[in-house]
N, C-alpha and C. Protein backbone atom coordinates (compact mmCIF):
# COMPACT_ATOMS: atom_id res chain seq x y z
N UNK A 1 -57.78 18.10 -60.39
CA UNK A 1 -57.43 19.14 -61.35
C UNK A 1 -56.67 18.57 -62.54
N UNK A 2 -55.90 17.51 -62.36
CA UNK A 2 -55.06 17.04 -63.44
C UNK A 2 -55.82 16.25 -64.49
N UNK A 3 -56.89 15.56 -64.11
CA UNK A 3 -57.61 14.75 -65.08
C UNK A 3 -56.76 13.59 -65.55
N UNK A 4 -57.19 12.97 -66.63
CA UNK A 4 -56.43 11.83 -67.15
C UNK A 4 -55.27 12.32 -68.03
N UNK A 5 -54.32 11.44 -68.27
CA UNK A 5 -53.17 11.79 -69.09
C UNK A 5 -53.61 12.27 -70.46
N UNK A 6 -52.99 13.30 -70.92
CA UNK A 6 -53.26 13.90 -72.23
C UNK A 6 -54.69 14.41 -72.36
N UNK A 7 -55.32 14.80 -71.25
CA UNK A 7 -56.70 15.28 -71.30
C UNK A 7 -56.85 16.52 -72.18
N UNK A 8 -55.79 17.30 -72.32
CA UNK A 8 -55.85 18.51 -73.14
C UNK A 8 -56.06 18.18 -74.62
N UNK A 9 -55.71 16.97 -75.03
CA UNK A 9 -55.88 16.61 -76.44
C UNK A 9 -57.34 16.57 -76.85
N UNK A 10 -58.23 16.32 -75.90
CA UNK A 10 -59.66 16.27 -76.22
C UNK A 10 -60.37 17.58 -75.88
N UNK A 11 -59.63 18.60 -75.51
CA UNK A 11 -60.19 19.92 -75.19
C UNK A 11 -60.07 20.80 -76.42
N UNK A 12 -61.20 21.17 -77.00
CA UNK A 12 -61.21 21.97 -78.23
C UNK A 12 -60.55 23.34 -78.05
N UNK A 13 -60.45 23.82 -76.81
CA UNK A 13 -59.83 25.12 -76.55
C UNK A 13 -58.31 25.08 -76.66
N UNK A 14 -57.73 23.88 -76.58
CA UNK A 14 -56.27 23.75 -76.56
C UNK A 14 -55.78 23.38 -77.95
N UNK A 15 -55.02 24.30 -78.59
CA UNK A 15 -54.46 23.97 -79.90
C UNK A 15 -53.51 22.77 -79.80
N UNK A 16 -53.41 22.02 -80.86
CA UNK A 16 -52.48 20.89 -80.89
C UNK A 16 -51.05 21.42 -80.76
N UNK A 17 -50.22 20.65 -80.10
CA UNK A 17 -48.81 21.02 -79.97
C UNK A 17 -47.98 19.75 -79.80
N UNK A 18 -46.70 19.86 -80.07
CA UNK A 18 -45.80 18.72 -79.91
C UNK A 18 -45.66 18.44 -78.42
N UNK A 19 -46.12 17.26 -77.98
CA UNK A 19 -46.06 16.93 -76.56
C UNK A 19 -45.21 15.68 -76.31
N UNK A 20 -44.24 15.48 -77.18
CA UNK A 20 -43.35 14.33 -77.04
C UNK A 20 -42.22 14.57 -76.04
N UNK A 21 -42.08 15.79 -75.56
CA UNK A 21 -41.10 16.14 -74.53
C UNK A 21 -41.83 16.91 -73.45
N UNK A 22 -41.28 16.92 -72.24
CA UNK A 22 -41.90 17.73 -71.18
C UNK A 22 -41.91 19.21 -71.57
N UNK A 23 -42.99 19.87 -71.21
CA UNK A 23 -43.19 21.28 -71.54
C UNK A 23 -43.31 22.09 -70.26
N UNK A 24 -42.54 23.17 -70.18
CA UNK A 24 -42.62 24.11 -69.07
C UNK A 24 -43.34 25.35 -69.57
N UNK A 25 -44.44 25.70 -68.93
CA UNK A 25 -45.19 26.91 -69.27
C UNK A 25 -44.94 27.90 -68.15
N UNK A 26 -44.46 29.10 -68.50
CA UNK A 26 -44.04 30.08 -67.51
C UNK A 26 -44.55 31.47 -67.87
N UNK A 27 -44.62 32.35 -66.88
CA UNK A 27 -45.05 33.73 -67.07
C UNK A 27 -43.92 34.50 -67.77
N UNK A 28 -44.13 34.83 -69.03
CA UNK A 28 -43.11 35.50 -69.83
C UNK A 28 -42.89 36.95 -69.48
N UNK A 29 -43.74 37.54 -68.66
CA UNK A 29 -43.54 38.93 -68.22
C UNK A 29 -42.81 39.00 -66.89
N UNK A 30 -42.83 37.95 -66.12
CA UNK A 30 -42.22 37.90 -64.80
C UNK A 30 -40.71 37.72 -64.94
N UNK A 31 -39.94 38.59 -64.31
CA UNK A 31 -38.48 38.51 -64.38
C UNK A 31 -37.98 37.22 -63.73
N UNK A 32 -38.55 36.83 -62.60
CA UNK A 32 -38.14 35.58 -61.94
C UNK A 32 -38.44 34.38 -62.83
N UNK A 33 -39.63 34.33 -63.40
CA UNK A 33 -40.04 33.20 -64.24
C UNK A 33 -39.21 33.12 -65.51
N UNK A 34 -38.94 34.27 -66.13
CA UNK A 34 -38.10 34.29 -67.32
C UNK A 34 -36.67 33.90 -66.97
N UNK A 35 -36.22 34.30 -65.78
CA UNK A 35 -34.90 33.87 -65.31
C UNK A 35 -34.85 32.36 -65.15
N UNK A 36 -35.95 31.77 -64.67
CA UNK A 36 -36.01 30.31 -64.55
C UNK A 36 -35.92 29.68 -65.94
N UNK A 37 -36.62 30.25 -66.93
CA UNK A 37 -36.56 29.72 -68.29
C UNK A 37 -35.11 29.76 -68.81
N UNK A 38 -34.41 30.86 -68.56
CA UNK A 38 -33.01 30.95 -68.97
C UNK A 38 -32.15 29.91 -68.25
N UNK A 39 -32.42 29.71 -66.96
CA UNK A 39 -31.69 28.72 -66.18
C UNK A 39 -31.88 27.32 -66.78
N UNK A 40 -33.12 27.01 -67.12
CA UNK A 40 -33.42 25.69 -67.71
C UNK A 40 -32.66 25.53 -69.02
N UNK A 41 -32.70 26.53 -69.87
CA UNK A 41 -32.01 26.43 -71.16
C UNK A 41 -30.51 26.21 -70.94
N UNK A 42 -29.94 26.92 -70.00
CA UNK A 42 -28.49 26.82 -69.75
C UNK A 42 -28.11 25.45 -69.18
N UNK A 43 -28.93 24.89 -68.30
CA UNK A 43 -28.55 23.68 -67.58
C UNK A 43 -29.19 22.40 -68.12
N UNK A 44 -30.06 22.52 -69.09
CA UNK A 44 -30.72 21.34 -69.67
C UNK A 44 -29.85 20.81 -70.81
N UNK A 45 -28.72 20.24 -70.44
CA UNK A 45 -27.74 19.79 -71.44
C UNK A 45 -28.27 18.66 -72.32
N UNK A 46 -29.20 17.88 -71.77
CA UNK A 46 -29.78 16.76 -72.53
C UNK A 46 -30.97 17.22 -73.39
N UNK A 47 -31.32 18.51 -73.28
CA UNK A 47 -32.42 19.10 -74.06
C UNK A 47 -33.73 18.34 -73.81
N UNK A 48 -34.01 18.13 -72.54
CA UNK A 48 -35.20 17.41 -72.12
C UNK A 48 -36.45 18.25 -72.33
N UNK A 49 -36.35 19.55 -72.02
CA UNK A 49 -37.53 20.41 -71.94
C UNK A 49 -37.74 21.29 -73.17
N UNK A 50 -39.02 21.55 -73.40
CA UNK A 50 -39.44 22.65 -74.28
C UNK A 50 -40.10 23.67 -73.37
N UNK A 51 -40.14 24.91 -73.81
CA UNK A 51 -40.71 25.98 -73.00
C UNK A 51 -41.77 26.73 -73.79
N UNK A 52 -42.65 27.41 -73.06
CA UNK A 52 -43.75 28.16 -73.65
C UNK A 52 -44.15 29.27 -72.71
N UNK A 53 -44.27 30.48 -73.22
CA UNK A 53 -44.75 31.60 -72.39
C UNK A 53 -46.26 31.46 -72.18
N UNK A 54 -46.68 31.72 -70.96
CA UNK A 54 -48.10 31.61 -70.60
C UNK A 54 -48.97 32.58 -71.38
N UNK A 55 -48.40 33.68 -71.84
CA UNK A 55 -49.18 34.70 -72.51
C UNK A 55 -49.56 34.34 -73.94
N UNK A 56 -49.05 33.26 -74.47
CA UNK A 56 -49.39 32.83 -75.82
C UNK A 56 -50.79 32.20 -75.82
N UNK A 57 -51.43 32.12 -76.97
CA UNK A 57 -52.75 31.45 -77.02
C UNK A 57 -52.70 30.02 -76.47
N UNK A 58 -51.67 29.26 -76.79
CA UNK A 58 -51.55 27.90 -76.28
C UNK A 58 -51.35 27.91 -74.77
N UNK A 59 -50.49 28.78 -74.28
CA UNK A 59 -50.25 28.87 -72.84
C UNK A 59 -51.53 29.20 -72.09
N UNK A 60 -52.27 30.18 -72.58
CA UNK A 60 -53.53 30.57 -71.94
C UNK A 60 -54.52 29.42 -71.96
N UNK A 61 -54.58 28.70 -73.09
CA UNK A 61 -55.52 27.57 -73.20
C UNK A 61 -55.15 26.46 -72.22
N UNK A 62 -53.86 26.20 -72.04
CA UNK A 62 -53.45 25.17 -71.09
C UNK A 62 -53.77 25.57 -69.66
N UNK A 63 -53.53 26.83 -69.30
CA UNK A 63 -53.89 27.29 -67.96
C UNK A 63 -55.39 27.14 -67.74
N UNK A 64 -56.19 27.54 -68.72
CA UNK A 64 -57.64 27.42 -68.59
C UNK A 64 -58.06 25.95 -68.48
N UNK A 65 -57.46 25.10 -69.28
CA UNK A 65 -57.80 23.68 -69.24
C UNK A 65 -57.59 23.10 -67.84
N UNK A 66 -56.54 23.53 -67.17
CA UNK A 66 -56.24 23.01 -65.83
C UNK A 66 -56.87 23.85 -64.72
N UNK A 67 -57.82 24.72 -65.07
CA UNK A 67 -58.54 25.49 -64.06
C UNK A 67 -57.72 26.60 -63.44
N UNK A 68 -56.72 27.07 -64.15
CA UNK A 68 -55.84 28.13 -63.65
C UNK A 68 -55.96 29.37 -64.51
N UNK A 69 -57.17 29.70 -64.93
CA UNK A 69 -57.39 30.81 -65.85
C UNK A 69 -57.00 32.15 -65.27
N UNK A 70 -57.22 33.16 -66.04
CA UNK A 70 -56.84 34.51 -65.65
C UNK A 70 -55.48 34.85 -66.22
N UNK A 71 -54.99 36.01 -65.84
CA UNK A 71 -53.69 36.43 -66.38
C UNK A 71 -52.65 36.64 -65.28
N UNK A 72 -52.91 36.09 -64.10
CA UNK A 72 -51.96 36.16 -63.00
C UNK A 72 -51.40 34.75 -62.81
N UNK A 73 -50.39 34.43 -63.57
CA UNK A 73 -49.86 33.08 -63.65
C UNK A 73 -49.02 32.76 -62.41
N UNK A 74 -49.70 32.35 -61.33
CA UNK A 74 -49.00 32.13 -60.07
C UNK A 74 -48.45 30.73 -59.91
N UNK A 75 -48.38 29.99 -60.98
CA UNK A 75 -47.69 28.71 -60.96
C UNK A 75 -47.18 28.42 -62.36
N UNK A 76 -45.93 28.00 -62.44
CA UNK A 76 -45.46 27.43 -63.69
C UNK A 76 -46.16 26.10 -63.85
N UNK A 77 -46.29 25.64 -65.07
CA UNK A 77 -46.84 24.32 -65.34
C UNK A 77 -45.72 23.45 -65.90
N UNK A 78 -45.69 22.22 -65.47
CA UNK A 78 -44.85 21.22 -66.11
C UNK A 78 -45.81 20.17 -66.65
N UNK A 79 -45.80 19.99 -67.95
CA UNK A 79 -46.63 18.96 -68.57
C UNK A 79 -45.67 17.90 -69.08
N UNK A 80 -45.74 16.73 -68.46
CA UNK A 80 -44.83 15.62 -68.79
C UNK A 80 -45.65 14.34 -68.89
N UNK A 81 -45.45 13.63 -69.98
CA UNK A 81 -46.21 12.40 -70.24
C UNK A 81 -47.71 12.65 -70.12
N UNK A 82 -48.13 13.82 -70.55
CA UNK A 82 -49.55 14.16 -70.57
C UNK A 82 -50.13 14.59 -69.24
N UNK A 83 -49.35 14.57 -68.17
CA UNK A 83 -49.82 14.98 -66.84
C UNK A 83 -49.29 16.37 -66.51
N UNK A 84 -50.05 17.12 -65.74
CA UNK A 84 -49.61 18.44 -65.32
C UNK A 84 -49.15 18.38 -63.87
N UNK A 85 -48.09 19.12 -63.60
CA UNK A 85 -47.56 19.27 -62.25
C UNK A 85 -47.41 20.77 -62.02
N UNK A 86 -47.92 21.24 -60.87
CA UNK A 86 -47.89 22.66 -60.57
C UNK A 86 -47.20 22.92 -59.24
N UNK A 87 -47.01 24.18 -58.97
CA UNK A 87 -46.42 24.67 -57.73
C UNK A 87 -45.14 23.91 -57.39
N UNK A 88 -44.99 23.53 -56.12
CA UNK A 88 -43.71 22.96 -55.69
C UNK A 88 -43.39 21.64 -56.39
N UNK A 89 -44.39 20.80 -56.60
CA UNK A 89 -44.11 19.51 -57.24
C UNK A 89 -43.62 19.71 -58.67
N UNK A 90 -44.23 20.66 -59.39
CA UNK A 90 -43.77 20.95 -60.74
C UNK A 90 -42.34 21.45 -60.74
N UNK A 91 -42.01 22.35 -59.82
CA UNK A 91 -40.65 22.90 -59.76
C UNK A 91 -39.63 21.84 -59.39
N UNK A 92 -39.96 20.99 -58.44
CA UNK A 92 -39.04 19.92 -58.05
C UNK A 92 -38.79 19.00 -59.24
N UNK A 93 -39.85 18.62 -59.93
CA UNK A 93 -39.69 17.73 -61.09
C UNK A 93 -38.88 18.40 -62.20
N UNK A 94 -39.08 19.70 -62.40
CA UNK A 94 -38.28 20.41 -63.41
C UNK A 94 -36.80 20.32 -63.07
N UNK A 95 -36.46 20.63 -61.82
CA UNK A 95 -35.06 20.60 -61.39
C UNK A 95 -34.49 19.19 -61.52
N UNK A 96 -35.26 18.18 -61.12
CA UNK A 96 -34.78 16.80 -61.23
C UNK A 96 -34.48 16.43 -62.68
N UNK A 97 -35.27 16.94 -63.60
CA UNK A 97 -35.06 16.64 -65.02
C UNK A 97 -33.78 17.23 -65.58
N UNK A 98 -33.19 18.18 -64.87
CA UNK A 98 -31.93 18.79 -65.33
C UNK A 98 -30.72 17.93 -65.01
N UNK A 99 -30.91 16.91 -64.21
CA UNK A 99 -29.79 16.04 -63.84
C UNK A 99 -29.02 16.61 -62.66
N UNK A 100 -27.86 15.97 -62.37
CA UNK A 100 -27.04 16.40 -61.23
C UNK A 100 -26.35 17.70 -61.54
N UNK A 101 -26.21 18.59 -60.59
CA UNK A 101 -26.56 18.47 -59.18
C UNK A 101 -27.99 18.90 -58.87
N UNK A 102 -28.70 19.38 -59.87
CA UNK A 102 -30.03 19.97 -59.67
C UNK A 102 -31.06 18.96 -59.19
N UNK A 103 -30.89 17.69 -59.52
CA UNK A 103 -31.87 16.70 -59.09
C UNK A 103 -31.88 16.52 -57.58
N UNK A 104 -30.85 17.02 -56.89
CA UNK A 104 -30.81 16.95 -55.43
C UNK A 104 -31.95 17.75 -54.79
N UNK A 105 -32.58 18.63 -55.55
CA UNK A 105 -33.73 19.39 -55.05
C UNK A 105 -34.85 18.45 -54.60
N UNK A 106 -34.84 17.24 -55.08
CA UNK A 106 -35.85 16.25 -54.70
C UNK A 106 -35.93 16.01 -53.20
N UNK A 107 -34.89 16.34 -52.46
CA UNK A 107 -34.94 16.17 -51.00
C UNK A 107 -36.02 17.06 -50.38
N UNK A 108 -36.45 18.08 -51.10
CA UNK A 108 -37.50 18.96 -50.57
C UNK A 108 -38.83 18.23 -50.40
N UNK A 109 -38.96 17.08 -51.03
CA UNK A 109 -40.18 16.29 -50.84
C UNK A 109 -40.31 15.78 -49.41
N UNK A 110 -39.25 15.89 -48.63
CA UNK A 110 -39.32 15.50 -47.21
C UNK A 110 -40.24 16.46 -46.44
N UNK A 111 -40.42 17.66 -46.97
CA UNK A 111 -41.35 18.61 -46.36
C UNK A 111 -42.77 18.26 -46.80
N UNK A 112 -43.74 18.43 -45.92
CA UNK A 112 -45.13 18.16 -46.32
C UNK A 112 -45.55 19.06 -47.49
N UNK A 113 -46.30 18.48 -48.42
CA UNK A 113 -46.76 19.22 -49.60
C UNK A 113 -47.45 20.53 -49.25
N UNK A 114 -48.32 20.59 -48.26
CA UNK A 114 -48.95 21.88 -47.93
C UNK A 114 -47.93 22.97 -47.55
N UNK A 115 -46.87 22.59 -46.87
CA UNK A 115 -45.83 23.56 -46.52
C UNK A 115 -45.09 24.03 -47.76
N UNK A 116 -44.71 23.06 -48.61
CA UNK A 116 -43.99 23.41 -49.85
C UNK A 116 -44.84 24.34 -50.71
N UNK A 117 -46.12 23.99 -50.87
CA UNK A 117 -46.98 24.80 -51.72
C UNK A 117 -47.29 26.16 -51.10
N UNK A 118 -47.36 26.25 -49.79
CA UNK A 118 -47.56 27.54 -49.13
C UNK A 118 -46.36 28.45 -49.40
N UNK A 119 -45.16 27.92 -49.30
CA UNK A 119 -43.96 28.71 -49.60
C UNK A 119 -43.95 29.12 -51.07
N UNK A 120 -44.26 28.18 -51.96
CA UNK A 120 -44.32 28.47 -53.39
C UNK A 120 -45.32 29.60 -53.65
N UNK A 121 -46.50 29.50 -53.06
CA UNK A 121 -47.55 30.51 -53.28
C UNK A 121 -47.14 31.87 -52.75
N UNK A 122 -46.45 31.89 -51.62
CA UNK A 122 -45.98 33.16 -51.05
C UNK A 122 -45.00 33.84 -52.01
N UNK A 123 -44.05 33.09 -52.55
CA UNK A 123 -43.11 33.65 -53.52
C UNK A 123 -43.86 34.08 -54.77
N UNK A 124 -44.78 33.25 -55.25
CA UNK A 124 -45.53 33.57 -56.47
C UNK A 124 -46.33 34.87 -56.33
N UNK A 125 -46.95 35.06 -55.17
CA UNK A 125 -47.74 36.29 -54.94
C UNK A 125 -46.87 37.53 -54.93
N UNK A 126 -45.62 37.40 -54.53
CA UNK A 126 -44.73 38.55 -54.36
C UNK A 126 -43.67 38.69 -55.45
N UNK A 127 -43.66 37.79 -56.41
CA UNK A 127 -42.57 37.74 -57.39
C UNK A 127 -42.43 39.01 -58.21
N UNK A 128 -43.53 39.61 -58.59
CA UNK A 128 -43.46 40.83 -59.41
C UNK A 128 -42.90 41.98 -58.56
N UNK A 129 -43.37 42.09 -57.35
CA UNK A 129 -42.88 43.16 -56.46
C UNK A 129 -41.39 42.99 -56.17
N UNK A 130 -40.96 41.76 -55.93
CA UNK A 130 -39.57 41.50 -55.57
C UNK A 130 -38.62 41.51 -56.75
N UNK A 131 -39.04 40.95 -57.89
CA UNK A 131 -38.12 40.75 -59.01
C UNK A 131 -38.44 41.62 -60.23
N UNK A 132 -39.68 42.11 -60.33
CA UNK A 132 -40.04 42.99 -61.43
C UNK A 132 -40.82 42.30 -62.53
N UNK A 133 -41.25 43.16 -63.46
CA UNK A 133 -42.07 42.71 -64.58
C UNK A 133 -41.49 43.30 -65.85
N UNK A 134 -41.37 42.49 -66.88
CA UNK A 134 -40.92 42.95 -68.19
C UNK A 134 -42.15 43.39 -68.97
N UNK A 135 -42.05 44.49 -69.65
CA UNK A 135 -43.18 44.96 -70.46
C UNK A 135 -43.35 44.11 -71.72
N UNK A 136 -42.25 43.58 -72.23
CA UNK A 136 -42.29 42.74 -73.42
C UNK A 136 -42.14 41.30 -72.96
N UNK A 137 -42.99 40.44 -73.49
CA UNK A 137 -42.94 39.02 -73.12
C UNK A 137 -41.60 38.42 -73.53
N UNK A 138 -41.13 37.48 -72.74
CA UNK A 138 -39.85 36.81 -72.96
C UNK A 138 -39.75 36.27 -74.38
N UNK A 139 -38.61 36.53 -75.00
CA UNK A 139 -38.32 35.98 -76.32
C UNK A 139 -37.02 35.20 -76.23
N UNK A 140 -36.98 34.00 -76.79
CA UNK A 140 -35.76 33.21 -76.72
C UNK A 140 -34.67 33.76 -77.62
N UNK A 141 -33.44 33.48 -77.27
CA UNK A 141 -32.32 33.75 -78.15
C UNK A 141 -32.56 32.92 -79.41
N UNK A 142 -32.31 33.47 -80.58
CA UNK A 142 -32.56 32.70 -81.81
C UNK A 142 -31.89 31.33 -81.83
N UNK A 143 -30.73 31.18 -81.19
CA UNK A 143 -30.06 29.87 -81.18
C UNK A 143 -30.83 28.84 -80.34
N UNK A 144 -31.75 29.31 -79.50
CA UNK A 144 -32.54 28.41 -78.67
C UNK A 144 -34.00 28.32 -79.13
N UNK A 145 -34.31 28.86 -80.28
CA UNK A 145 -35.70 28.90 -80.74
C UNK A 145 -36.33 27.51 -80.83
N UNK A 146 -35.54 26.50 -81.15
CA UNK A 146 -36.09 25.14 -81.26
C UNK A 146 -36.49 24.56 -79.91
N UNK A 147 -36.11 25.21 -78.82
CA UNK A 147 -36.46 24.75 -77.47
C UNK A 147 -37.84 25.24 -77.05
N UNK A 148 -38.44 26.09 -77.86
CA UNK A 148 -39.72 26.70 -77.50
C UNK A 148 -40.83 26.19 -78.41
N UNK A 149 -41.98 25.98 -77.79
CA UNK A 149 -43.17 25.63 -78.54
C UNK A 149 -43.74 26.94 -79.05
N UNK A 150 -44.13 26.99 -80.28
CA UNK A 150 -44.74 28.19 -80.84
C UNK A 150 -46.09 28.37 -80.16
N UNK A 151 -46.39 29.59 -79.77
CA UNK A 151 -47.58 29.87 -78.98
C UNK A 151 -48.90 29.57 -79.64
N UNK A 152 -48.96 29.38 -80.94
CA UNK A 152 -50.24 29.07 -81.58
C UNK A 152 -50.48 27.57 -81.63
N UNK A 153 -49.56 26.82 -81.01
CA UNK A 153 -49.73 25.38 -80.97
C UNK A 153 -48.93 24.61 -81.98
N UNK A 154 -48.27 25.30 -82.89
CA UNK A 154 -47.49 24.56 -83.91
C UNK A 154 -46.08 24.29 -83.45
């Protein structure tokens, strides 16, 4: 599913975007996912990550490129160094990128990947029921606007 590094650059469906930093693509209508975006902004003191709502044209194109089309975004995407990481591996890598103490989440790799991803999928399937859905897609605080990739790819 991941293809070669930077494979999206040769996909005409994917608008060009700044990919010099890791990018987190998340469901902007999901309260849990938007909460994760806020958590990243608050704890990413080194400003490692950029973020993008899945509902944007670029977000949709990236999901489609990686074979995750549709509008039920059951995995955040982490695109780092041109590679995509999804489900539990993507989440673990995101947390590790925040530094200490969050990088300690890496111990979860001791669990077999199928178990981690089964748990991730169970939460993803139930996230709207448990945490809710926002009618308006997540919008960043203006002071954090530079942390977000514009949805049209610019």
